[in-house]
C-alpha atoms as a PDB file:
ATOM      1  CA  MET A   1      73.123  41.459 -36.317  1.00  0.00           C
ATOM      2  CA  SER A   2      76.629  41.779 -34.640  1.00  0.00           C
ATOM      3  CA  ASP A   3      78.595  38.960 -32.911  1.00  0.00           C
ATOM      4  CA  GLU A   4      77.552  40.584 -29.595  1.00  0.00           C
ATOM      5  CA  GLN A   5      73.939  39.873 -29.512  1.00  0.00           C
ATOM      6  CA  LYS A   6      74.093  36.890 -31.609  1.00  0.00           C
ATOM      7  CA  LYS A   7      76.499  35.694 -28.290  1.00  0.00           C
ATOM      8  CA  SER A   8      73.769  37.244 -25.850  1.00  0.00           C
ATOM      9  CA  ASN A   9      70.959  35.688 -27.292  1.00  0.00           C
ATOM     10  CA  GLU A  10      72.572  32.377 -27.140  1.00  0.00           C
ATOM     11  CA  TRP A  11      72.644  32.789 -23.405  1.00  0.00           C
ATOM     12  CA  TYR A  12      69.578  32.239 -21.256  1.00  0.00           C
ATOM     13  CA  SER A  13      69.052  34.256 -18.265  1.00  0.00           C
ATOM     14  CA  ASN A  14      69.162  32.569 -14.677  1.00  0.00           C
ATOM     15  CA  LYS A  15      65.338  32.767 -14.223  1.00  0.00           C
ATOM     16  CA  ASP A  16      65.554  30.525 -17.806  1.00  0.00           C
ATOM     17  CA  LEU A  17      68.275  28.232 -16.674  1.00  0.00           C
ATOM     18  CA  TYR A  18      66.616  27.278 -13.362  1.00  0.00           C
ATOM     19  CA  GLU A  19      63.142  27.109 -14.914  1.00  0.00           C
ATOM     20  CA  LYS A  20      65.149  23.982 -17.576  1.00  0.00           C
ATOM     21  CA  PHE A  21      66.437  22.709 -14.511  1.00  0.00           C
ATOM     22  CA  ASP A  22      64.176  22.650 -12.632  1.00  0.00           C
ATOM     23  CA  LYS A  23      62.164  20.491 -15.547  1.00  0.00           C
ATOM     24  CA  ALA A  24      64.688  18.401 -16.218  1.00  0.00           C
ATOM     25  CA  ILE A  25      64.953  17.420 -12.240  1.00  0.00           C
ATOM     26  CA  ASN A  26      60.932  17.193 -11.905  1.00  0.00           C
ATOM     27  CA  THR A  27      61.323  14.948 -15.030  1.00  0.00           C
ATOM     28  CA  ILE A  28      64.244  12.802 -13.503  1.00  0.00           C
ATOM     29  CA  ARG A  29      62.479  12.402 -10.245  1.00  0.00           C
ATOM     30  CA  GLN A  30      59.353  11.370 -12.113  1.00  0.00           C
ATOM     31  CA  ASP A  31      61.002   8.682 -14.173  1.00  0.00           C
ATOM     32  CA  ASN A  32      63.014   7.906 -11.186  1.00  0.00           C
ATOM     33  CA  ASN A  33      59.678   7.329  -8.981  1.00  0.00           C
ATOM     34  CA  SER A  34      58.312   5.276 -12.286  1.00  0.00           C
ATOM     35  CA  LEU A  35      61.598   2.978 -12.255  1.00  0.00           C
ATOM     36  CA  ARG A  36      61.186   2.192  -8.532  1.00  0.00           C
ATOM     37  CA  VAL A  37      57.598   1.275  -9.282  1.00  0.00           C
ATOM     38  CA  GLU A  38      58.427  -0.639 -12.058  1.00  0.00           C
ATOM     39  CA  LEU A  39      60.928  -2.643  -9.618  1.00  0.00           C
ATOM     40  CA  GLU A  40      59.295  -3.189  -7.097  1.00  0.00           C
ATOM     41  CA  ARG A  41      56.480  -4.997  -9.291  1.00  0.00           C
ATOM     42  CA  THR A  42      59.722  -6.834 -10.846  1.00  0.00           C
ATOM     43  CA  ARG A  43      60.199  -7.853  -6.855  1.00  0.00           C
ATOM     44  CA  SER A  44      57.088  -8.559  -6.352  1.00  0.00           C
ATOM     45  CA  ASP A  45      56.612 -11.045  -9.925  1.00  0.00           C
ATOM     46  CA  ILE A  46      60.078 -12.802  -9.187  1.00  0.00           C
ATOM     47  CA  ARG A  47      58.759 -13.692  -5.926  1.00  0.00           C
ATOM     48  CA  LYS A  48      55.379 -14.882  -6.887  1.00  0.00           C
ATOM     49  CA  TYR A  49      57.920 -17.434  -9.161  1.00  0.00           C
ATOM     50  CA  ASN A  50      60.359 -18.181  -6.204  1.00  0.00           C
ATOM     51  CA  GLY A  51      56.881 -19.122  -4.792  1.00  0.00           C
ATOM     52  CA  LEU A  52      55.440 -20.791  -7.796  1.00  0.00           C
ATOM     53  CA  HIS A  53      58.791 -22.525  -8.251  1.00  0.00           C
ATOM     54  CA  GLU A  54      58.778 -23.790  -4.462  1.00  0.00           C
ATOM     55  CA  LYS A  55      55.216 -24.808  -5.224  1.00  0.00           C
ATOM     56  CA  VAL A  56      56.199 -26.978  -7.923  1.00  0.00           C
ATOM     57  CA  ASN A  57      58.975 -28.755  -6.673  1.00  0.00           C
ATOM     58  CA  LYS A  58      56.860 -29.859  -3.802  1.00  0.00           C
ATOM     59  CA  THR A  59      53.999 -31.281  -6.161  1.00  0.00           C
ATOM     60  CA  ARG A  60      56.616 -32.687  -7.857  1.00  0.00           C
ATOM     61  CA  GLU A  61      58.388 -34.520  -4.615  1.00  0.00           C
ATOM     62  CA  ASP A  62      54.100 -35.451  -3.760  1.00  0.00           C
ATOM     63  CA  ILE A  63      53.931 -37.387  -7.417  1.00  0.00           C
ATOM     64  CA  GLU A  64      57.485 -39.104  -6.705  1.00  0.00           C
ATOM     65  CA  LYS A  65      56.005 -40.043  -2.914  1.00  0.00           C
ATOM     66  CA  VAL A  66      52.507 -41.392  -4.570  1.00  0.00           C
ATOM     67  CA  LYS A  67      54.075 -42.934  -7.338  1.00  0.00           C
ATOM     68  CA  ARG A  68      56.825 -45.061  -4.938  1.00  0.00           C
ATOM     69  CA  GLN A  69      53.784 -45.680  -2.947  1.00  0.00           C
ATOM     70  CA  VAL A  70      52.249 -47.012  -5.692  1.00  0.00           C
ATOM     71  CA  ASN A  71      54.901 -49.468  -7.121  1.00  0.00           C
ATOM     72  CA  GLY A  72      54.919 -50.776  -3.737  1.00  0.00           C
ATOM     73  CA  ILE A  73      51.145 -51.608  -3.856  1.00  0.00           C
ATOM     74  CA  GLN A  74      51.462 -53.370  -6.782  1.00  0.00           C
ATOM     75  CA  GLN A  75      54.557 -55.349  -6.061  1.00  0.00           C
ATOM     76  CA  GLN A  76      52.898 -56.491  -2.936  1.00  0.00           C
ATOM     77  CA  ALA A  77      49.785 -57.330  -5.242  1.00  0.00           C
ATOM     78  CA  GLN A  78      52.224 -59.017  -7.331  1.00  0.00           C
ATOM     79  CA  GLY A  79      53.950 -60.733  -4.539  1.00  0.00           C
ATOM     80  CA  ARG A  80      50.446 -62.230  -3.675  1.00  0.00           C
ATOM     81  CA  SER A  81      49.377 -63.442  -7.046  1.00  0.00           C
ATOM     82  CA  LYS A  82      52.572 -65.654  -7.488  1.00  0.00           C
ATOM     83  CA  THR A  83      52.231 -67.147  -4.133  1.00  0.00           C
ATOM     84  CA  TRP A  84      48.788 -68.031  -4.707  1.00  0.00           C
ATOM     85  CA  ASP A  85      49.668 -69.045  -8.466  1.00  0.00           C
ATOM     86  CA  GLY A  86      52.930 -71.280  -6.746  1.00  0.00           C
ATOM     87  CA  ILE A  87      49.582 -73.064  -3.841  1.00  0.00           C
ATOM     88  CA  ARG A  88      47.513 -73.623  -6.654  1.00  0.00           C
ATOM     89  CA  LEU A  89      50.541 -75.342  -9.057  1.00  0.00           C
ATOM     90  CA  TRP A  90      51.937 -77.362  -5.910  1.00  0.00           C
ATOM     91  CA  GLY A  91      48.867 -77.425  -3.963  1.00  0.00           C
ATOM     92  CA  GLY A  92      47.419 -80.594  -6.018  1.00  0.00           C
ATOM     93  CA  TRP A  93      50.769 -82.219  -5.852  1.00  0.00           C
ATOM     94  CA  ILE A  94      51.156 -82.191  -2.504  1.00  0.00           C
ATOM     95  CA  VAL A  95      47.124 -83.289  -1.933  1.00  0.00           C
ATOM     96  CA  GLY A  96      47.919 -85.585  -4.459  1.00  0.00           C
ATOM     97  CA  ILE A  97      51.634 -86.913  -2.456  1.00  0.00           C
ATOM     98  CA  LEU A  98      49.554 -86.859   0.878  1.00  0.00           C
ATOM     99  CA  GLY A  99      46.720 -88.831  -0.747  1.00  0.00           C
ATOM    100  CA  MET A 100      49.085 -91.621  -1.932  1.00  0.00           C
ATOM    101  CA  THR A 101      50.992 -91.454   1.307  1.00  0.00           C
ATOM    102  CA  ALA A 102      47.763 -91.895   3.554  1.00  0.00           C
ATOM    103  CA  ALA A 103      46.832 -94.727   0.916  1.00  0.00           C
ATOM    104  CA  TYR A 104      49.592 -96.652   1.200  1.00  0.00           C
ATOM    105  CA  LEU A 105      49.746 -96.511   5.022  1.00  0.00           C
ATOM    106  CA  LYS A 106      46.232 -98.494   5.461  1.00  0.00           C
ATOM    107  CA  ILE A 107      47.464-100.655   2.459  1.00  0.00           C
ATOM    108  CA  PHE A 108      50.241-101.884   4.501  1.00  0.00           C
ATOM    109  CA  LEU A 109      49.141-101.047   7.918  1.00  0.00           C
END
């Protein structure tokens, strides 16, 4: 083969070039479409994740609210308990002092 025949064999005809470019363009379009689909799925997943994140934050806030309510109820119960303990402990002394005072008043009056 001569150099000219090798050079002519290396070059493609217009039809061959068109078919190769058309095939390449179609492949790129398909890849582009699949990337768009994947991107939309990713966006959807991100939206779901953000929604889930918001739900988790709301749940945490609700848990903190319930904890505060429980702590308030416990503090009220402790206050009542301490009040009743005080009445029980000092009630006997008060009744005793009132009884002694009444007895002294009966004796001296």
